[in-house]
Amino acid sequence: GALRRHGGGIGEVKRMYTREAARGLGVGGEILGRVEALAR
């Protein structure tokens, strides 16, 4: 997953993906949390 920065203090969550074998393990939620923590 990625954080893309835009003007005006806006960040965009991009390219979120979890491979099928790892789904249900919390990978997406953890990456989203890291994106948010960096944005903050």
Full PDB file with SEQRES, HELIX, SHEET, SSBOND, CRYST1, ORIGX, SCALE, CONECT and MASTER records, all heavy atoms in Angstrom:
SEQRES   1 A   40  GLY ALA LEU ARG ARG HIS GLY GLY GLY ILE GLY GLU VAL          
SEQRES   2 A   40  LYS ARG MET TYR THR ARG GLU ALA ALA ARG GLY LEU GLY          
SEQRES   3 A   40  VAL GLY GLY GLU ILE LEU GLY ARG VAL GLU ALA LEU ALA          
SEQRES   4 A   40  ARG                                                          
HELIX    1 AA1 GLY A    7  GLY A    9  5                                   3    
HELIX    2 AA2 GLU A   20  ALA A   22  5                                   3    
HELIX    3 AA3 VAL A   27  ALA A   39  1                                  13    
SHEET    1 AA1 2 ALA A   2  HIS A   6  0                                        
SHEET    2 AA1 2 ILE A  10  LYS A  14 -1                                        
CRYST1    1.000    1.000    1.000  90.00  90.00  90.00 P 1           1          
ORIGX1      1.000000  0.000000  0.000000        0.00000                         
ORIGX2      0.000000  1.000000  0.000000        0.00000                         
ORIGX3      0.000000  0.000000  1.000000        0.00000                         
SCALE1      1.000000  0.000000  0.000000        0.00000                         
SCALE2      0.000000  1.000000  0.000000        0.00000                         
SCALE3      0.000000  0.000000  1.000000        0.00000                         
ATOM      1  N   GLY A   1       0.860  -1.173   0.000  1.00  0.00           N  
ATOM      2  CA  GLY A   1       0.000   0.000   0.000  1.00  0.00           C  
ATOM      3  C   GLY A   1       0.897   1.224   0.000  1.00  0.00           C  
ATOM      4  O   GLY A   1       2.091   1.118   0.277  1.00  0.00           O  
ATOM      5  N   ALA A   2       0.322   2.368  -0.330  1.00  0.00           N  
ATOM      6  CA  ALA A   2       1.151   3.561  -0.434  1.00  0.00           C  
ATOM      7  C   ALA A   2       0.406   4.803   0.030  1.00  0.00           C  
ATOM      8  O   ALA A   2      -0.825   4.859  -0.012  1.00  0.00           O  
ATOM      9  CB  ALA A   2       1.617   3.748  -1.882  1.00  0.00           C  
ATOM     10  N   LEU A   3       1.187   5.780   0.441  1.00  0.00           N  
ATOM     11  CA  LEU A   3       0.703   7.120   0.762  1.00  0.00           C  
ATOM     12  C   LEU A   3       1.232   8.052  -0.316  1.00  0.00           C  
ATOM     13  O   LEU A   3       2.449   8.181  -0.496  1.00  0.00           O  
ATOM     14  CB  LEU A   3       1.212   7.593   2.127  1.00  0.00           C  
ATOM     15  CG  LEU A   3       0.971   9.071   2.459  1.00  0.00           C  
ATOM     16  CD1 LEU A   3      -0.519   9.392   2.519  1.00  0.00           C  
ATOM     17  CD2 LEU A   3       1.674   9.442   3.757  1.00  0.00           C  
ATOM     18  N   ARG A   4       0.305   8.692  -1.040  1.00  0.00           N  
ATOM     19  CA  ARG A   4       0.677   9.714  -2.027  1.00  0.00           C  
ATOM     20  C   ARG A   4       0.206  11.056  -1.490  1.00  0.00           C  
ATOM     21  O   ARG A   4      -0.944  11.210  -1.097  1.00  0.00           O  
ATOM     22  CB  ARG A   4       0.022   9.427  -3.370  1.00  0.00           C  
ATOM     23  CG  ARG A   4       0.476  10.367  -4.464  1.00  0.00           C  
ATOM     24  CD  ARG A   4      -0.136   9.971  -5.779  1.00  0.00           C  
ATOM     25  NE  ARG A   4       0.565  10.598  -6.877  1.00  0.00           N  
ATOM     26  CZ  ARG A   4       0.223  10.467  -8.141  1.00  0.00           C  
ATOM     27  NH1 ARG A   4      -0.807   9.703  -8.466  1.00  0.00           N  
ATOM     28  NH2 ARG A   4       0.897  11.079  -9.084  1.00  0.00           N  
ATOM     29  N   ARG A   5       1.126  12.017  -1.459  1.00  0.00           N  
ATOM     30  CA  ARG A   5       0.817  13.323  -0.912  1.00  0.00           C  
ATOM     31  C   ARG A   5       0.329  14.274  -1.998  1.00  0.00           C  
ATOM     32  O   ARG A   5       0.902  14.313  -3.084  1.00  0.00           O  
ATOM     33  CB  ARG A   5       2.049  13.905  -0.230  1.00  0.00           C  
ATOM     34  CG  ARG A   5       2.472  13.088   0.985  1.00  0.00           C  
ATOM     35  CD  ARG A   5       3.994  13.158   1.144  1.00  0.00           C  
ATOM     36  NE  ARG A   5       4.466  12.212   2.128  1.00  0.00           N  
ATOM     37  CZ  ARG A   5       4.892  10.987   1.814  1.00  0.00           C  
ATOM     38  NH1 ARG A   5       4.877  10.560   0.566  1.00  0.00           N  
ATOM     39  NH2 ARG A   5       5.328  10.177   2.760  1.00  0.00           N  
ATOM     40  N   HIS A   6      -0.724  15.031  -1.674  1.00  0.00           N  
ATOM     41  CA  HIS A   6      -1.271  16.054  -2.567  1.00  0.00           C  
ATOM     42  C   HIS A   6      -1.213  17.384  -1.833  1.00  0.00           C  
ATOM     43  O   HIS A   6      -0.997  17.434  -0.624  1.00  0.00           O  
ATOM     44  CB  HIS A   6      -2.718  15.712  -2.939  1.00  0.00           C  
ATOM     45  CG  HIS A   6      -2.845  14.464  -3.752  1.00  0.00           C  
ATOM     46  ND1 HIS A   6      -2.791  14.450  -5.130  1.00  0.00           N  
ATOM     47  CD2 HIS A   6      -3.016  13.173  -3.377  1.00  0.00           C  
ATOM     48  CE1 HIS A   6      -2.925  13.205  -5.567  1.00  0.00           C  
ATOM     49  NE2 HIS A   6      -3.062  12.412  -4.526  1.00  0.00           N  
ATOM     50  N   GLY A   7      -1.468  18.465  -2.534  1.00  0.00           N  
ATOM     51  CA  GLY A   7      -1.500  19.781  -1.909  1.00  0.00           C  
ATOM     52  C   GLY A   7      -2.655  19.896  -0.919  1.00  0.00           C  
ATOM     53  O   GLY A   7      -3.558  19.061  -0.883  1.00  0.00           O  
ATOM     54  N   GLY A   8      -2.599  20.926  -0.110  1.00  0.00           N  
ATOM     55  CA  GLY A   8      -3.672  21.213   0.825  1.00  0.00           C  
ATOM     56  C   GLY A   8      -3.751  20.269   2.007  1.00  0.00           C  
ATOM     57  O   GLY A   8      -4.798  20.157   2.642  1.00  0.00           O  
ATOM     58  N   GLY A   9      -2.665  19.562   2.298  1.00  0.00           N  
ATOM     59  CA  GLY A   9      -2.657  18.662   3.450  1.00  0.00           C  
ATOM     60  C   GLY A   9      -3.431  17.378   3.249  1.00  0.00           C  
ATOM     61  O   GLY A   9      -3.850  16.744   4.205  1.00  0.00           O  
ATOM     62  N   ILE A  10      -3.589  16.976   1.979  1.00  0.00           N  
ATOM     63  CA  ILE A  10      -4.344  15.763   1.660  1.00  0.00           C  
ATOM     64  C   ILE A  10      -3.385  14.640   1.280  1.00  0.00           C  
ATOM     65  O   ILE A  10      -2.490  14.810   0.451  1.00  0.00           O  
ATOM     66  CB  ILE A  10      -5.322  16.006   0.494  1.00  0.00           C  
ATOM     67  CG1 ILE A  10      -6.284  17.150   0.811  1.00  0.00           C  
ATOM     68  CG2 ILE A  10      -6.068  14.731   0.110  1.00  0.00           C  
ATOM     69  CD1 ILE A  10      -7.181  16.892   1.997  1.00  0.00           C  
ATOM     70  N   GLY A  11      -3.597  13.486   1.870  1.00  0.00           N  
ATOM     71  CA  GLY A  11      -2.866  12.286   1.499  1.00  0.00           C  
ATOM     72  C   GLY A  11      -3.839  11.318   0.847  1.00  0.00           C  
ATOM     73  O   GLY A  11      -5.023  11.294   1.182  1.00  0.00           O  
ATOM     74  N   GLU A  12      -3.336  10.542  -0.086  1.00  0.00           N  
ATOM     75  CA  GLU A  12      -4.175   9.567  -0.776  1.00  0.00           C  
ATOM     76  C   GLU A  12      -3.635   8.168  -0.525  1.00  0.00           C  
ATOM     77  O   GLU A  12      -2.439   7.924  -0.671  1.00  0.00           O  
ATOM     78  CB  GLU A  12      -4.191   9.865  -2.270  1.00  0.00           C  
ATOM     79  CG  GLU A  12      -5.074   8.928  -3.063  1.00  0.00           C  
ATOM     80  CD  GLU A  12      -5.061   9.212  -4.552  1.00  0.00           C  
ATOM     81  OE1 GLU A  12      -4.231  10.011  -5.029  1.00  0.00           O  
ATOM     82  OE2 GLU A  12      -5.889   8.605  -5.260  1.00  0.00           O  
ATOM     83  N   VAL A  13      -4.520   7.257  -0.177  1.00  0.00           N  
ATOM     84  CA  VAL A  13      -4.161   5.852  -0.015  1.00  0.00           C  
ATOM     85  C   VAL A  13      -4.192   5.231  -1.409  1.00  0.00           C  
ATOM     86  O   VAL A  13      -5.199   5.311  -2.113  1.00  0.00           O  
ATOM     87  CB  VAL A  13      -5.162   5.133   0.922  1.00  0.00           C  
ATOM     88  CG1 VAL A  13      -4.808   3.658   1.042  1.00  0.00           C  
ATOM     89  CG2 VAL A  13      -5.196   5.811   2.286  1.00  0.00           C  
ATOM     90  N   LYS A  14      -3.097   4.607  -1.807  1.00  0.00           N  
ATOM     91  CA  LYS A  14      -2.980   4.032  -3.149  1.00  0.00           C  
ATOM     92  C   LYS A  14      -2.424   2.612  -3.085  1.00  0.00           C  
ATOM     93  O   LYS A  14      -1.761   2.237  -2.128  1.00  0.00           O  
ATOM     94  CB  LYS A  14      -2.017   4.877  -4.010  1.00  0.00           C  
ATOM     95  CG  LYS A  14      -2.482   6.260  -4.353  1.00  0.00           C  
ATOM     96  CD  LYS A  14      -3.652   6.292  -5.302  1.00  0.00           C  
ATOM     97  CE  LYS A  14      -3.288   5.860  -6.701  1.00  0.00           C  
ATOM     98  NZ  LYS A  14      -4.420   5.928  -7.638  1.00  0.00           N  
ATOM     99  N   ARG A  15      -2.694   1.844  -4.115  1.00  0.00           N  
ATOM    100  CA  ARG A  15      -2.082   0.551  -4.410  1.00  0.00           C  
ATOM    101  C   ARG A  15      -2.161  -0.454  -3.260  1.00  0.00           C  
ATOM    102  O   ARG A  15      -1.234  -1.228  -3.027  1.00  0.00           O  
ATOM    103  CB  ARG A  15      -0.637   0.712  -4.860  1.00  0.00           C  
ATOM    104  CG  ARG A  15      -0.360   1.684  -5.974  1.00  0.00           C  
ATOM    105  CD  ARG A  15      -1.037   1.614  -7.322  1.00  0.00           C  
ATOM    106  NE  ARG A  15      -1.925   0.561  -7.699  1.00  0.00           N  
ATOM    107  CZ  ARG A  15      -1.855  -0.135  -8.843  1.00  0.00           C  
ATOM    108  NH1 ARG A  15      -0.890   0.083  -9.681  1.00  0.00           N  
ATOM    109  NH2 ARG A  15      -2.752  -1.026  -9.135  1.00  0.00           N  
ATOM    110  N   MET A  16      -3.281  -0.472  -2.569  1.00  0.00           N  
ATOM    111  CA  MET A  16      -3.497  -1.435  -1.488  1.00  0.00           C  
ATOM    112  C   MET A  16      -3.769  -2.812  -2.091  1.00  0.00           C  
ATOM    113  O   MET A  16      -4.671  -2.961  -2.931  1.00  0.00           O  
ATOM    114  CB  MET A  16      -4.675  -1.007  -0.626  1.00  0.00           C  
ATOM    115  CG  MET A  16      -4.436   0.249   0.197  1.00  0.00           C  
ATOM    116  SD  MET A  16      -3.329  -0.004   1.583  1.00  0.00           S  
ATOM    117  CE  MET A  16      -4.305  -1.077   2.620  1.00  0.00           C  
ATOM    118  N   TYR A  17      -3.012  -3.817  -1.641  1.00  0.00           N  
ATOM    119  CA  TYR A  17      -3.182  -5.167  -2.165  1.00  0.00           C  
ATOM    120  C   TYR A  17      -2.586  -6.181  -1.198  1.00  0.00           C  
ATOM    121  O   TYR A  17      -1.514  -5.952  -0.639  1.00  0.00           O  
ATOM    122  CB  TYR A  17      -2.494  -5.304  -3.529  1.00  0.00           C  
ATOM    123  CG  TYR A  17      -2.592  -6.680  -4.129  1.00  0.00           C  
ATOM    124  CD1 TYR A  17      -3.816  -7.217  -4.499  1.00  0.00           C  
ATOM    125  CD2 TYR A  17      -1.457  -7.454  -4.322  1.00  0.00           C  
ATOM    126  CE1 TYR A  17      -3.908  -8.488  -5.050  1.00  0.00           C  
ATOM    127  CE2 TYR A  17      -1.536  -8.717  -4.882  1.00  0.00           C  
ATOM    128  CZ  TYR A  17      -2.766  -9.229  -5.242  1.00  0.00           C  
ATOM    129  OH  TYR A  17      -2.859 -10.489  -5.788  1.00  0.00           O  
ATOM    130  N   THR A  18      -3.288  -7.280  -1.025  1.00  0.00           N  
ATOM    131  CA  THR A  18      -2.780  -8.410  -0.250  1.00  0.00           C  
ATOM    132  C   THR A  18      -2.899  -9.662  -1.109  1.00  0.00           C  
ATOM    133  O   THR A  18      -3.967  -9.945  -1.655  1.00  0.00           O  
ATOM    134  CB  THR A  18      -3.581  -8.607   1.054  1.00  0.00           C  
ATOM    135  OG1 THR A  18      -3.514  -7.405   1.831  1.00  0.00           O  
ATOM    136  CG2 THR A  18      -3.033  -9.763   1.874  1.00  0.00           C  
ATOM    137  N   ARG A  19      -1.802 -10.391  -1.212  1.00  0.00           N  
ATOM    138  CA  ARG A  19      -1.835 -11.654  -1.970  1.00  0.00           C  
ATOM    139  C   ARG A  19      -2.811 -12.622  -1.322  1.00  0.00           C  
ATOM    140  O   ARG A  19      -2.991 -12.629  -0.102  1.00  0.00           O  
ATOM    141  CB  ARG A  19      -0.442 -12.271  -2.033  1.00  0.00           C  
ATOM    142  CG  ARG A  19       0.447 -11.559  -3.005  1.00  0.00           C  
ATOM    143  CD  ARG A  19       1.753 -12.279  -3.219  1.00  0.00           C  
ATOM    144  NE  ARG A  19       2.348 -11.849  -4.474  1.00  0.00           N  
ATOM    145  CZ  ARG A  19       3.653 -11.686  -4.659  1.00  0.00           C  
ATOM    146  NH1 ARG A  19       4.497 -11.937  -3.674  1.00  0.00           N  
ATOM    147  NH2 ARG A  19       4.111 -11.291  -5.822  1.00  0.00           N  
ATOM    148  N   GLU A  20      -3.424 -13.450  -2.141  1.00  0.00           N  
ATOM    149  CA  GLU A  20      -4.482 -14.355  -1.678  1.00  0.00           C  
ATOM    150  C   GLU A  20      -4.050 -15.203  -0.490  1.00  0.00           C  
ATOM    151  O   GLU A  20      -4.804 -15.377   0.466  1.00  0.00           O  
ATOM    152  CB  GLU A  20      -4.948 -15.245  -2.836  1.00  0.00           C  
ATOM    153  CG  GLU A  20      -6.187 -16.027  -2.499  1.00  0.00           C  
ATOM    154  CD  GLU A  20      -6.785 -16.728  -3.686  1.00  0.00           C  
ATOM    155  OE1 GLU A  20      -6.532 -16.330  -4.830  1.00  0.00           O  
ATOM    156  OE2 GLU A  20      -7.522 -17.707  -3.442  1.00  0.00           O  
ATOM    157  N   ALA A  21      -2.839 -15.718  -0.506  1.00  0.00           N  
ATOM    158  CA  ALA A  21      -2.364 -16.598   0.577  1.00  0.00           C  
ATOM    159  C   ALA A  21      -2.267 -15.878   1.921  1.00  0.00           C  
ATOM    160  O   ALA A  21      -2.253 -16.529   2.964  1.00  0.00           O  
ATOM    161  CB  ALA A  21      -1.002 -17.188   0.207  1.00  0.00           C  
ATOM    162  N   ALA A  22      -2.210 -14.553   1.902  1.00  0.00           N  
ATOM    163  CA  ALA A  22      -2.058 -13.789   3.145  1.00  0.00           C  
ATOM    164  C   ALA A  22      -3.339 -13.077   3.562  1.00  0.00           C  
ATOM    165  O   ALA A  22      -3.344 -12.368   4.575  1.00  0.00           O  
ATOM    166  CB  ALA A  22      -0.930 -12.774   2.979  1.00  0.00           C  
ATOM    167  N   ARG A  23      -4.414 -13.262   2.834  1.00  0.00           N  
ATOM    168  CA  ARG A  23      -5.666 -12.585   3.178  1.00  0.00           C  
ATOM    169  C   ARG A  23      -6.222 -13.135   4.485  1.00  0.00           C  
ATOM    170  O   ARG A  23      -6.097 -14.309   4.787  1.00  0.00           O  
ATOM    171  CB  ARG A  23      -6.669 -12.721   2.044  1.00  0.00           C  
ATOM    172  CG  ARG A  23      -6.193 -11.920   0.836  1.00  0.00           C  
ATOM    173  CD  ARG A  23      -7.152 -11.878  -0.298  1.00  0.00           C  
ATOM    174  NE  ARG A  23      -6.472 -11.210  -1.416  1.00  0.00           N  
ATOM    175  CZ  ARG A  23      -6.721 -11.447  -2.671  1.00  0.00           C  
ATOM    176  NH1 ARG A  23      -7.661 -12.308  -3.014  1.00  0.00           N  
ATOM    177  NH2 ARG A  23      -6.053 -10.805  -3.610  1.00  0.00           N  
ATOM    178  N   GLY A  24      -6.811 -12.248   5.263  1.00  0.00           N  
ATOM    179  CA  GLY A  24      -7.368 -12.640   6.551  1.00  0.00           C  
ATOM    180  C   GLY A  24      -6.379 -12.559   7.700  1.00  0.00           C  
ATOM    181  O   GLY A  24      -6.733 -12.844   8.842  1.00  0.00           O  
ATOM    182  N   LEU A  25      -5.149 -12.160   7.411  1.00  0.00           N  
ATOM    183  CA  LEU A  25      -4.113 -12.078   8.445  1.00  0.00           C  
ATOM    184  C   LEU A  25      -3.945 -10.670   9.015  1.00  0.00           C  
ATOM    185  O   LEU A  25      -3.132 -10.464   9.910  1.00  0.00           O  
ATOM    186  CB  LEU A  25      -2.766 -12.550   7.892  1.00  0.00           C  
ATOM    187  CG  LEU A  25      -2.714 -13.980   7.356  1.00  0.00           C  
ATOM    188  CD1 LEU A  25      -1.350 -14.267   6.738  1.00  0.00           C  
ATOM    189  CD2 LEU A  25      -3.024 -14.966   8.474  1.00  0.00           C  
ATOM    190  N   GLY A  26      -4.670  -9.705   8.470  1.00  0.00           N  
ATOM    191  CA  GLY A  26      -4.544  -8.338   8.934  1.00  0.00           C  
ATOM    192  C   GLY A  26      -3.517  -7.506   8.186  1.00  0.00           C  
ATOM    193  O   GLY A  26      -3.181  -6.403   8.631  1.00  0.00           O  
ATOM    194  N   VAL A  27      -3.032  -8.006   7.066  1.00  0.00           N  
ATOM    195  CA  VAL A  27      -2.010  -7.294   6.293  1.00  0.00           C  
ATOM    196  C   VAL A  27      -2.531  -5.934   5.837  1.00  0.00           C  
ATOM    197  O   VAL A  27      -1.884  -4.905   6.029  1.00  0.00           O  
ATOM    198  CB  VAL A  27      -1.534  -8.139   5.088  1.00  0.00           C  
ATOM    199  CG1 VAL A  27      -0.660  -7.322   4.141  1.00  0.00           C  
ATOM    200  CG2 VAL A  27      -0.794  -9.382   5.564  1.00  0.00           C  
ATOM    201  N   GLY A  28      -3.720  -5.906   5.231  1.00  0.00           N  
ATOM    202  CA  GLY A  28      -4.277  -4.655   4.732  1.00  0.00           C  
ATOM    203  C   GLY A  28      -4.494  -3.641   5.832  1.00  0.00           C  
ATOM    204  O   GLY A  28      -4.159  -2.461   5.685  1.00  0.00           O  
ATOM    205  N   GLY A  29      -5.046  -4.086   6.954  1.00  0.00           N  
ATOM    206  CA  GLY A  29      -5.283  -3.179   8.072  1.00  0.00           C  
ATOM    207  C   GLY A  29      -3.993  -2.621   8.639  1.00  0.00           C  
ATOM    208  O   GLY A  29      -3.916  -1.443   9.004  1.00  0.00           O  
ATOM    209  N   GLU A  30      -2.963  -3.450   8.717  1.00  0.00           N  
ATOM    210  CA  GLU A  30      -1.673  -2.989   9.239  1.00  0.00           C  
ATOM    211  C   GLU A  30      -1.039  -1.967   8.299  1.00  0.00           C  
ATOM    212  O   GLU A  30      -0.524  -0.932   8.745  1.00  0.00           O  
ATOM    213  CB  GLU A  30      -0.726  -4.173   9.444  1.00  0.00           C  
ATOM    214  CG  GLU A  30       0.636  -3.790   9.978  1.00  0.00           C  
ATOM    215  CD  GLU A  30       0.620  -3.202  11.382  1.00  0.00           C  
ATOM    216  OE1 GLU A  30      -0.323  -3.469  12.156  1.00  0.00           O  
ATOM    217  OE2 GLU A  30       1.567  -2.463  11.710  1.00  0.00           O  
ATOM    218  N   ILE A  31      -1.081  -2.247   7.005  1.00  0.00           N  
ATOM    219  CA  ILE A  31      -0.512  -1.296   6.045  1.00  0.00           C  
ATOM    220  C   ILE A  31      -1.296   0.009   6.086  1.00  0.00           C  
ATOM    221  O   ILE A  31      -0.708   1.092   6.100  1.00  0.00           O  
ATOM    222  CB  ILE A  31      -0.469  -1.900   4.629  1.00  0.00           C  
ATOM    223  CG1 ILE A  31       0.586  -3.011   4.586  1.00  0.00           C  
ATOM    224  CG2 ILE A  31      -0.178  -0.826   3.582  1.00  0.00           C  
ATOM    225  CD1 ILE A  31       0.617  -3.815   3.308  1.00  0.00           C  
ATOM    226  N   LEU A  32      -2.617  -0.068   6.127  1.00  0.00           N  
ATOM    227  CA  LEU A  32      -3.435   1.142   6.210  1.00  0.00           C  
ATOM    228  C   LEU A  32      -3.082   1.932   7.473  1.00  0.00           C  
ATOM    229  O   LEU A  32      -2.978   3.166   7.431  1.00  0.00           O  
ATOM    230  CB  LEU A  32      -4.916   0.786   6.189  1.00  0.00           C  
ATOM    231  CG  LEU A  32      -5.890   1.955   6.138  1.00  0.00           C  
ATOM    232  CD1 LEU A  32      -5.697   2.785   4.874  1.00  0.00           C  
ATOM    233  CD2 LEU A  32      -7.325   1.448   6.228  1.00  0.00           C  
ATOM    234  N   GLY A  33      -2.862   1.241   8.567  1.00  0.00           N  
ATOM    235  CA  GLY A  33      -2.456   1.905   9.805  1.00  0.00           C  
ATOM    236  C   GLY A  33      -1.116   2.611   9.668  1.00  0.00           C  
ATOM    237  O   GLY A  33      -0.919   3.708  10.203  1.00  0.00           O  
ATOM    238  N   ARG A  34      -0.193   2.002   8.948  1.00  0.00           N  
ATOM    239  CA  ARG A  34       1.121   2.628   8.731  1.00  0.00           C  
ATOM    240  C   ARG A  34       0.992   3.864   7.850  1.00  0.00           C  
ATOM    241  O   ARG A  34       1.656   4.878   8.087  1.00  0.00           O  
ATOM    242  CB  ARG A  34       2.097   1.629   8.104  1.00  0.00           C  
ATOM    243  CG  ARG A  34       2.394   0.419   8.944  1.00  0.00           C  
ATOM    244  CD  ARG A  34       3.252   0.778  10.162  1.00  0.00           C  
ATOM    245  NE  ARG A  34       3.531  -0.400  10.925  1.00  0.00           N  
ATOM    246  CZ  ARG A  34       4.650  -1.125  10.841  1.00  0.00           C  
ATOM    247  NH1 ARG A  34       5.610  -0.768  10.024  1.00  0.00           N  
ATOM    248  NH2 ARG A  34       4.800  -2.209  11.582  1.00  0.00           N  
ATOM    249  N   VAL A  35       0.144   3.772   6.818  1.00  0.00           N  
ATOM    250  CA  VAL A  35      -0.096   4.930   5.954  1.00  0.00           C  
ATOM    251  C   VAL A  35      -0.650   6.080   6.792  1.00  0.00           C  
ATOM    252  O   VAL A  35      -0.172   7.216   6.712  1.00  0.00           O  
ATOM    253  CB  VAL A  35      -1.060   4.560   4.797  1.00  0.00           C  
ATOM    254  CG1 VAL A  35      -1.578   5.801   4.091  1.00  0.00           C  
ATOM    255  CG2 VAL A  35      -0.384   3.614   3.812  1.00  0.00           C  
ATOM    256  N   GLU A  36      -1.642   5.789   7.624  1.00  0.00           N  
ATOM    257  CA  GLU A  36      -2.248   6.819   8.460  1.00  0.00           C  
ATOM    258  C   GLU A  36      -1.243   7.397   9.451  1.00  0.00           C  
ATOM    259  O   GLU A  36      -1.186   8.617   9.653  1.00  0.00           O  
ATOM    260  CB  GLU A  36      -3.454   6.276   9.207  1.00  0.00           C  
ATOM    261  CG  GLU A  36      -4.110   7.337  10.071  1.00  0.00           C  
ATOM    262  CD  GLU A  36      -5.353   6.865  10.777  1.00  0.00           C  
ATOM    263  OE1 GLU A  36      -6.001   5.900  10.336  1.00  0.00           O  
ATOM    264  OE2 GLU A  36      -5.700   7.495  11.813  1.00  0.00           O  
ATOM    265  N   ALA A  37      -0.441   6.549  10.076  1.00  0.00           N  
ATOM    266  CA  ALA A  37       0.539   7.036  11.046  1.00  0.00           C  
ATOM    267  C   ALA A  37       1.531   7.989  10.386  1.00  0.00           C  
ATOM    268  O   ALA A  37       1.863   9.038  10.952  1.00  0.00           O  
ATOM    269  CB  ALA A  37       1.268   5.853  11.697  1.00  0.00           C  
ATOM    270  N   LEU A  38       1.994   7.668   9.197  1.00  0.00           N  
ATOM    271  CA  LEU A  38       2.926   8.546   8.490  1.00  0.00           C  
ATOM    272  C   LEU A  38       2.233   9.857   8.114  1.00  0.00           C  
ATOM    273  O   LEU A  38       2.818  10.939   8.258  1.00  0.00           O  
ATOM    274  CB  LEU A  38       3.479   7.853   7.247  1.00  0.00           C  
ATOM    275  CG  LEU A  38       4.462   8.681   6.415  1.00  0.00           C  
ATOM    276  CD1 LEU A  38       5.667   9.122   7.244  1.00  0.00           C  
ATOM    277  CD2 LEU A  38       4.897   7.891   5.184  1.00  0.00           C  
ATOM    278  N   ALA A  39       0.994   9.770   7.647  1.00  0.00           N  
ATOM    279  CA  ALA A  39       0.248  10.984   7.289  1.00  0.00           C  
ATOM    280  C   ALA A  39       0.092  11.892   8.509  1.00  0.00           C  
ATOM    281  O   ALA A  39       0.272  13.115   8.415  1.00  0.00           O  
ATOM    282  CB  ALA A  39      -1.116  10.608   6.716  1.00  0.00           C  
ATOM    283  N   ARG A  40      -0.231  11.316   9.651  1.00  0.00           N  
ATOM    284  CA  ARG A  40      -0.360  12.110  10.876  1.00  0.00           C  
ATOM    285  C   ARG A  40       0.981  12.715  11.270  1.00  0.00           C  
ATOM    286  O   ARG A  40       1.064  13.892  11.642  1.00  0.00           O  
ATOM    287  CB  ARG A  40      -0.902  11.251  12.011  1.00  0.00           C  
ATOM    288  CG  ARG A  40      -2.375  10.942  11.888  1.00  0.00           C  
ATOM    289  CD  ARG A  40      -2.855  10.107  13.092  1.00  0.00           C  
ATOM    290  NE  ARG A  40      -4.247   9.739  12.960  1.00  0.00           N  
ATOM    291  CZ  ARG A  40      -5.272  10.550  13.239  1.00  0.00           C  
ATOM    292  NH1 ARG A  40      -5.048  11.772  13.672  1.00  0.00           N  
ATOM    293  NH2 ARG A  40      -6.513  10.133  13.092  1.00  0.00           N  
TER     294      ARG A  40                                                      
MASTER        0    0    0    3    2    0    0    6  293    1    0    4          
END                                                                             
